[in-house]
């Protein structure tokens, strides 16, 4: 039996972008382009009629902006939506909001020489579209308000290292804001273009009692701080002297297909000999982080994987699970509590 084709609807007010994306979709025999729409009002009618598996959606459009349309889709008929966003500061903020609303992933729209630059993105676009068709998409959970609770820090954990990709923005927004001050430093590699990581860190900081920031070279790791890997660099941890642990930026080639790479971060922790570490791998395509997490576990770290049923894409956690790198799998809703319990194992000094 032939594989079911992935039905795609393109929504973009630019005739040129629709033309370029049409050519990209039609180049893959596993994809069926069912239609294109110039604005959300047209798209709404086409969704009902054509029942696409995946939508590509521009953010800035007439009649209804892409974010408002996405919010309606996720409330009424959750489905995989890939956002097409410009690489501007405003575009970054809008894209972060789109991911929070439940968009499957993002594609950075080139700003010049569109046909050539979209051609270079062909493989990324097609792989994301086909992966999106298999993803678990549901209404985003209510994330609540920033908590203000504190702890008297007596944790045995010295460092928490996190890797995430597709679906990770929402996952992290359901974990980090629930963690109290006094937590050990948390270093996060989230696969994301460089224009978006600063905006993501800022938005996560507003929702959290912990201090969340984009990583910077030679930053000393401190408690109550979360460090989001700067896009398009390799993030590792290093030492200064005998005690200080700090972040190190590298500009070398991709590792495990990514820059930043979860494997690069995890392996650096192992080689540094940091004790009492927790490794966490969240939803995402591919297998980045699996090898590094196995090394962490073999070095004595406690390793957690997000369970399949709560992942948007059970790729990275599956790869880690299959090589016995994961000590425990948990649903997303229980990960924050697990991290807190690991850091305050006796339950003492809690308000």
Protein backbone atom coordinates (compact mmCIF):
# COMPACT_ATOMS: atom_id res chain seq x y z
CA UNK A 1 0.00 0.00 0.00
CA UNK A 2 1.32 3.43 -0.96
CA UNK A 3 2.07 5.84 1.88
CA UNK A 4 -0.53 8.51 2.54
CA UNK A 5 0.47 11.85 1.06
CA UNK A 6 0.90 14.82 3.42
CA UNK A 7 -1.70 17.43 2.47
CA UNK A 8 -0.38 21.00 2.80
CA UNK A 9 -2.10 24.39 2.67
CA UNK A 10 0.06 27.50 2.18
CA UNK A 11 -1.21 30.75 3.74
CA UNK A 12 0.75 33.90 2.80
CA UNK A 13 -0.28 37.29 1.43
CA UNK A 14 2.79 37.45 -0.86
CA UNK A 15 2.12 35.97 -4.30
CA UNK A 16 5.87 35.41 -4.73
CA UNK A 17 6.20 33.50 -1.46
CA UNK A 18 3.17 31.38 -2.35
CA UNK A 19 4.75 30.64 -5.72
CA UNK A 20 8.12 29.71 -4.21
CA UNK A 21 6.60 27.51 -1.49
CA UNK A 22 4.36 25.86 -4.08
CA UNK A 23 7.44 24.85 -6.07
CA UNK A 24 9.12 23.52 -2.91
CA UNK A 25 6.10 21.41 -1.92
CA UNK A 26 5.59 20.02 -5.41
CA UNK A 27 9.21 18.89 -5.55
CA UNK A 28 8.50 16.17 -2.98
CA UNK A 29 6.43 13.17 -4.12
CA UNK A 30 5.30 12.51 -0.54
CA UNK A 31 3.56 15.91 -0.29
CA UNK A 32 0.29 17.00 -1.87
CA UNK A 33 -0.24 20.74 -2.07
CA UNK A 34 -4.01 21.08 -1.67
CA UNK A 35 -4.17 24.86 -1.97
CA UNK A 36 -2.83 28.33 -1.28
CA UNK A 37 -4.56 31.25 0.44
CA UNK A 38 -3.69 34.93 0.49
CA UNK A 39 -5.24 35.66 3.90
CA UNK A 40 -6.74 33.85 6.92
CA UNK A 41 -10.34 34.45 5.89
CA UNK A 42 -9.79 32.54 2.66
CA UNK A 43 -7.71 29.97 4.52
CA UNK A 44 -10.48 29.30 7.03
CA UNK A 45 -12.86 28.26 4.25
CA UNK A 46 -10.18 26.15 2.59
CA UNK A 47 -9.35 24.30 5.82
CA UNK A 48 -12.97 23.21 6.19
CA UNK A 49 -13.16 22.11 2.55
CA UNK A 50 -9.69 20.58 2.01
CA UNK A 51 -8.84 19.21 5.48
CA UNK A 52 -5.04 19.73 5.21
CA UNK A 53 -2.60 17.83 7.41
CA UNK A 54 -0.22 20.81 7.76
CA UNK A 55 -0.51 24.57 7.25
CA UNK A 56 2.33 27.00 6.58
CA UNK A 57 1.32 30.40 7.90
CA UNK A 58 2.75 33.89 7.51
CA UNK A 59 2.51 36.20 10.51
CA UNK A 60 1.80 39.59 8.95
CA UNK A 61 -1.23 39.44 6.65
CA UNK A 62 -4.32 41.54 5.81
CA UNK A 63 -7.82 41.04 7.33
CA UNK A 64 -6.47 38.95 10.22
CA UNK A 65 -2.87 38.61 11.38
CA UNK A 66 -1.30 35.19 11.54
CA UNK A 67 -1.13 35.10 15.34
CA UNK A 68 -4.86 35.77 15.73
CA UNK A 69 -5.60 33.11 13.13
CA UNK A 70 -3.27 30.62 14.82
CA UNK A 71 -4.97 31.22 18.17
CA UNK A 72 -8.35 30.44 16.60
CA UNK A 73 -7.00 27.30 14.93
CA UNK A 74 -5.48 25.98 18.17
CA UNK A 75 -8.68 26.72 20.13
CA UNK A 76 -11.14 25.25 17.65
CA UNK A 77 -9.23 22.70 15.57
CA UNK A 78 -5.67 22.03 16.76
CA UNK A 79 -3.43 21.01 13.86
CA UNK A 80 0.23 21.31 12.82
CA UNK A 81 1.06 24.89 11.80
CA UNK A 82 4.53 25.94 10.63
CA UNK A 83 5.09 29.68 10.93
CA UNK A 84 6.93 31.67 8.27
CA UNK A 85 8.56 34.59 10.07
CA UNK A 86 10.99 37.36 9.17
CA UNK A 87 14.36 37.60 10.93
CA UNK A 88 13.64 40.89 12.68
CA UNK A 89 13.26 41.74 16.36
CA UNK A 90 9.53 42.22 15.88
CA UNK A 91 9.42 38.98 13.91
CA UNK A 92 11.25 37.18 16.72
CA UNK A 93 8.77 38.37 19.36
CA UNK A 94 5.83 37.38 17.19
CA UNK A 95 7.36 34.00 16.47
CA UNK A 96 7.87 33.29 20.17
CA UNK A 97 4.22 34.10 20.75
CA UNK A 98 3.27 31.76 17.91
CA UNK A 99 5.24 28.89 19.47
CA UNK A 100 3.62 29.59 22.83
CA UNK A 101 0.21 29.40 21.15
CA UNK A 102 1.04 25.94 19.84
CA UNK A 103 2.69 26.37 16.43
CA UNK A 104 4.63 23.24 15.53
CA UNK A 105 7.80 25.01 14.33
CA UNK A 106 9.21 28.05 12.57
CA UNK A 107 10.93 28.76 9.29
CA UNK A 108 12.92 31.99 9.07
CA UNK A 109 11.79 33.86 5.95
CA UNK A 110 14.74 35.19 3.89
CA UNK A 111 14.75 38.95 3.39
CA UNK A 112 16.58 39.04 0.04
CA UNK A 113 17.18 36.89 -3.06
CA UNK A 114 14.10 34.91 -2.09
CA UNK A 115 14.11 32.19 -4.72
CA UNK A 116 17.76 31.27 -4.11
CA UNK A 117 17.53 31.43 -0.33
CA UNK A 118 14.31 29.43 -0.18
CA UNK A 119 15.99 26.83 -2.36
CA UNK A 120 18.68 26.49 0.32
CA UNK A 121 15.90 25.97 2.87
CA UNK A 122 14.18 23.30 0.76
CA UNK A 123 15.36 20.31 2.82
CA UNK A 124 14.49 21.99 6.12
CA UNK A 125 11.02 22.99 4.90
CA UNK A 126 10.16 19.55 3.52
CA UNK A 127 11.47 17.68 6.57
CA UNK A 128 9.53 19.93 8.95
CA UNK A 129 6.33 19.61 6.95
CA UNK A 130 6.51 15.80 6.89
CA UNK A 131 7.44 15.58 10.57
CA UNK A 132 4.65 18.00 11.50
CA UNK A 133 2.08 15.71 9.88
CA UNK A 134 3.02 13.01 12.44
CA UNK A 135 3.15 15.31 15.46
CA UNK A 136 0.82 15.39 18.46
CA UNK A 137 -0.85 18.79 18.42
CA UNK A 138 -3.18 19.85 21.20
CA UNK A 139 -4.47 23.01 22.80
CA UNK A 140 -1.64 24.73 24.72
CA UNK A 141 -1.99 24.44 28.47
CA UNK A 142 -2.67 27.53 30.54
CA UNK A 143 0.75 28.60 31.73
CA UNK A 144 -0.35 30.67 34.70
CA UNK A 145 1.39 33.64 36.30
CA UNK A 146 4.90 34.12 37.51
CA UNK A 147 5.39 32.49 40.91
CA UNK A 148 7.13 34.30 43.76
CA UNK A 149 7.93 31.46 46.18
CA UNK A 150 11.49 31.11 47.47
CA UNK A 151 13.55 28.34 49.01
CA UNK A 152 16.44 28.24 51.43
CA UNK A 153 18.88 26.51 49.09
CA UNK A 154 20.15 23.18 50.39
CA UNK A 155 20.23 21.25 47.09
CA UNK A 156 22.60 18.42 46.33
CA UNK A 157 22.30 19.06 42.58
CA UNK A 158 25.04 21.31 41.17
CA UNK A 159 23.82 21.69 37.58
CA UNK A 160 20.78 20.93 35.42
CA UNK A 161 21.38 20.54 31.67
CA UNK A 162 18.44 20.54 29.26
CA UNK A 163 18.09 19.74 25.56
CA UNK A 164 14.99 20.45 23.44
CA UNK A 165 13.91 21.03 19.87
CA UNK A 166 10.48 20.98 18.21
CA UNK A 167 7.85 21.65 20.87
CA UNK A 168 10.50 22.72 23.34
CA UNK A 169 9.39 26.33 23.64
CA UNK A 170 6.03 25.31 25.09
CA UNK A 171 7.61 22.53 27.17
CA UNK A 172 10.12 24.91 28.73
CA UNK A 173 7.36 27.42 29.46
CA UNK A 174 5.58 24.69 31.39
CA UNK A 175 8.68 23.80 33.41
CA UNK A 176 10.84 26.86 34.14
CA UNK A 177 8.12 29.18 35.58
CA UNK A 178 7.21 26.51 38.15
CA UNK A 179 10.73 26.27 39.59
CA UNK A 180 11.58 28.28 42.73
CA UNK A 181 14.54 30.52 43.41
CA UNK A 182 17.56 28.76 44.84
CA UNK A 183 17.59 26.16 42.05
CA UNK A 184 21.05 25.21 40.75
CA UNK A 185 22.06 26.79 37.44
CA UNK A 186 20.07 25.46 34.48
CA UNK A 187 21.70 25.44 31.03
CA UNK A 188 19.38 24.93 28.06
CA UNK A 189 20.06 24.10 24.43
CA UNK A 190 16.89 24.76 22.44
CA UNK A 191 17.25 24.34 18.68
CA UNK A 192 16.34 27.80 17.41
CA UNK A 193 17.64 30.35 14.87
CA UNK A 194 19.93 33.02 16.34
CA UNK A 195 17.44 35.85 15.85
CA UNK A 196 14.99 34.22 18.24
CA UNK A 197 16.93 33.04 21.28
CA UNK A 198 17.20 36.45 22.97
CA UNK A 199 13.48 37.08 22.59
CA UNK A 200 12.70 33.62 23.91
CA UNK A 201 14.90 34.13 26.97
CA UNK A 202 13.28 37.51 27.68
CA UNK A 203 9.75 36.12 27.43
CA UNK A 204 10.62 33.16 29.64
CA UNK A 205 12.22 35.50 32.18
CA UNK A 206 9.00 37.51 32.47
CA UNK A 207 7.08 34.34 33.32
CA UNK A 208 9.60 32.98 35.83
CA UNK A 209 10.88 33.70 39.30
CA UNK A 210 14.28 32.43 38.13
CA UNK A 211 16.48 34.78 36.11
CA UNK A 212 16.42 33.66 32.48
CA UNK A 213 18.97 35.03 30.02
CA UNK A 214 20.54 34.30 26.66
CA UNK A 215 23.97 32.71 27.11
CA UNK A 216 27.11 34.85 26.89
CA UNK A 217 30.71 33.69 26.57
CA UNK A 218 32.51 33.22 29.91
CA UNK A 219 29.41 33.85 32.03
CA UNK A 220 29.84 32.33 35.49
CA UNK A 221 27.06 29.89 36.35
CA UNK A 222 25.01 31.02 39.34
CA UNK A 223 22.09 29.59 41.28
CA UNK A 224 18.61 30.87 40.44
CA UNK A 225 19.68 31.43 36.84
CA UNK A 226 18.66 29.80 33.55
CA UNK A 227 20.89 30.18 30.49
CA UNK A 228 19.40 29.72 27.01
CA UNK A 229 22.02 28.83 24.39
CA UNK A 230 22.64 31.66 21.94
CA UNK A 231 21.52 30.59 18.48
CA UNK A 232 24.11 29.41 15.96
CA UNK A 233 26.92 28.75 18.47
CA UNK A 234 28.09 25.64 20.27
CA UNK A 235 27.50 26.04 23.98
CA UNK A 236 29.64 24.17 26.48
CA UNK A 237 30.60 24.52 30.12
CA UNK A 238 34.17 25.05 31.25
CA UNK A 239 36.16 25.90 34.35
CA UNK A 240 38.01 28.94 35.58
CA UNK A 241 40.36 27.93 38.34
CA UNK A 242 39.38 25.04 40.58
CA UNK A 243 35.81 25.96 41.39
CA UNK A 244 34.15 28.41 38.99
CA UNK A 245 32.04 26.86 36.23
CA UNK A 246 31.30 29.06 33.27
CA UNK A 247 29.76 29.03 29.81
CA UNK A 248 31.92 28.77 26.71
CA UNK A 249 30.84 29.71 23.18
CA UNK A 250 32.33 27.99 20.14
CA UNK A 251 31.82 28.67 16.43
CA UNK A 252 32.82 25.26 15.03
CA UNK A 253 30.69 23.19 12.67
CA UNK A 254 27.39 21.56 13.56
CA UNK A 255 27.46 18.57 15.88
CA UNK A 256 24.76 15.91 15.51
CA UNK A 257 23.38 18.17 12.79
CA UNK A 258 22.90 21.19 15.04
CA UNK A 259 24.49 24.39 16.30
CA UNK A 260 23.82 24.68 19.19
CA UNK A 261 23.93 20.96 19.85
CA UNK A 262 22.61 19.20 22.93
CA UNK A 263 25.36 16.59 22.56
CA UNK A 264 28.01 19.33 22.68
CA UNK A 265 26.63 20.65 25.97
CA UNK A 266 26.15 17.24 27.59
CA UNK A 267 29.58 15.95 26.57
CA UNK A 268 31.29 19.07 27.92
CA UNK A 269 29.74 18.45 31.33
CA UNK A 270 30.98 14.86 31.29
CA UNK A 271 34.52 15.82 30.27
CA UNK A 272 34.62 18.54 32.90
CA UNK A 273 33.82 16.10 35.67
CA UNK A 274 30.99 18.14 37.19
CA UNK A 275 29.35 16.12 39.97
CA UNK A 276 25.68 15.85 40.94
CA UNK A 277 24.20 16.71 37.54
CA UNK A 278 20.68 16.25 36.20
CA UNK A 279 20.27 15.79 32.44
CA UNK A 280 16.86 16.41 30.87
CA UNK A 281 15.86 15.75 27.27
CA UNK A 282 12.58 17.13 25.97
CA UNK A 283 10.47 16.89 22.83
CA UNK A 284 12.24 17.28 19.50
CA UNK A 285 13.05 15.82 16.09
CA UNK A 286 16.12 13.70 15.50
CA UNK A 287 18.56 12.23 18.00
CA UNK A 288 20.69 15.16 19.19
CA UNK A 289 21.49 14.70 22.86
CA UNK A 290 21.15 10.91 23.03
CA UNK A 291 24.89 10.17 22.94
CA UNK A 292 25.65 12.98 25.36
CA UNK A 293 22.94 11.88 27.76
CA UNK A 294 24.30 8.33 27.76
CA UNK A 295 27.71 9.73 28.68
CA UNK A 296 26.11 11.75 31.47
CA UNK A 297 24.32 8.74 32.87
CA UNK A 298 27.46 6.60 32.72
CA UNK A 299 29.27 9.37 34.61
CA UNK A 300 26.70 9.24 37.40
CA UNK A 301 24.18 11.92 36.36
CA UNK A 302 20.46 11.45 36.90
CA UNK A 303 18.81 11.52 33.48
CA UNK A 304 15.18 12.31 32.64
CA UNK A 305 13.34 11.96 29.34
CA UNK A 306 9.98 13.44 28.44
CA UNK A 307 7.49 10.62 27.87
CA UNK A 308 6.10 9.89 24.43
CA UNK A 309 2.49 10.83 25.11
CA UNK A 310 3.39 14.38 26.23
CA UNK A 311 5.89 15.10 23.42
CA UNK A 312 5.02 17.02 20.29
CA UNK A 313 7.73 14.91 18.63
CA UNK A 314 9.08 11.86 20.44
CA UNK A 315 12.36 11.88 18.53
CA UNK A 316 15.17 13.02 20.81
CA UNK A 317 13.74 11.36 23.94
CA UNK A 318 13.14 8.14 21.98
CA UNK A 319 16.72 8.10 20.69
CA UNK A 320 18.04 8.51 24.23
CA UNK A 321 15.66 5.88 25.60
CA UNK A 322 16.67 3.34 22.95
CA UNK A 323 20.33 3.42 23.99
CA UNK A 324 19.50 3.24 27.71
CA UNK A 325 20.55 6.84 28.35
CA UNK A 326 17.32 7.71 30.23
CA UNK A 327 16.91 6.72 33.87
CA UNK A 328 13.27 7.80 34.11
CA UNK A 329 10.62 9.03 31.66
CA UNK A 330 8.03 11.52 32.89
CA UNK A 331 5.08 13.40 31.42
CA UNK A 332 5.70 17.09 30.93
CA UNK A 333 3.32 17.97 33.77
CA UNK A 334 5.52 16.17 36.33
CA UNK A 335 9.00 17.29 35.28
CA UNK A 336 9.15 20.57 37.24
CA UNK A 337 8.12 18.81 40.46
CA UNK A 338 10.72 16.09 39.85
CA UNK A 339 13.48 18.67 39.41
CA UNK A 340 12.44 20.49 42.57
CA UNK A 341 12.32 17.25 44.55
CA UNK A 342 15.80 16.28 43.35
CA UNK A 343 17.15 19.61 44.55
CA UNK A 344 15.38 19.47 47.93
CA UNK A 345 15.23 15.73 48.57
CA UNK A 346 14.40 15.94 52.28
CA UNK A 347 11.46 18.29 51.81
CA UNK A 348 12.95 20.64 54.40
CA UNK A 349 13.01 24.44 54.25
CA UNK A 350 9.90 24.71 52.10
CA UNK A 351 7.35 27.40 52.86
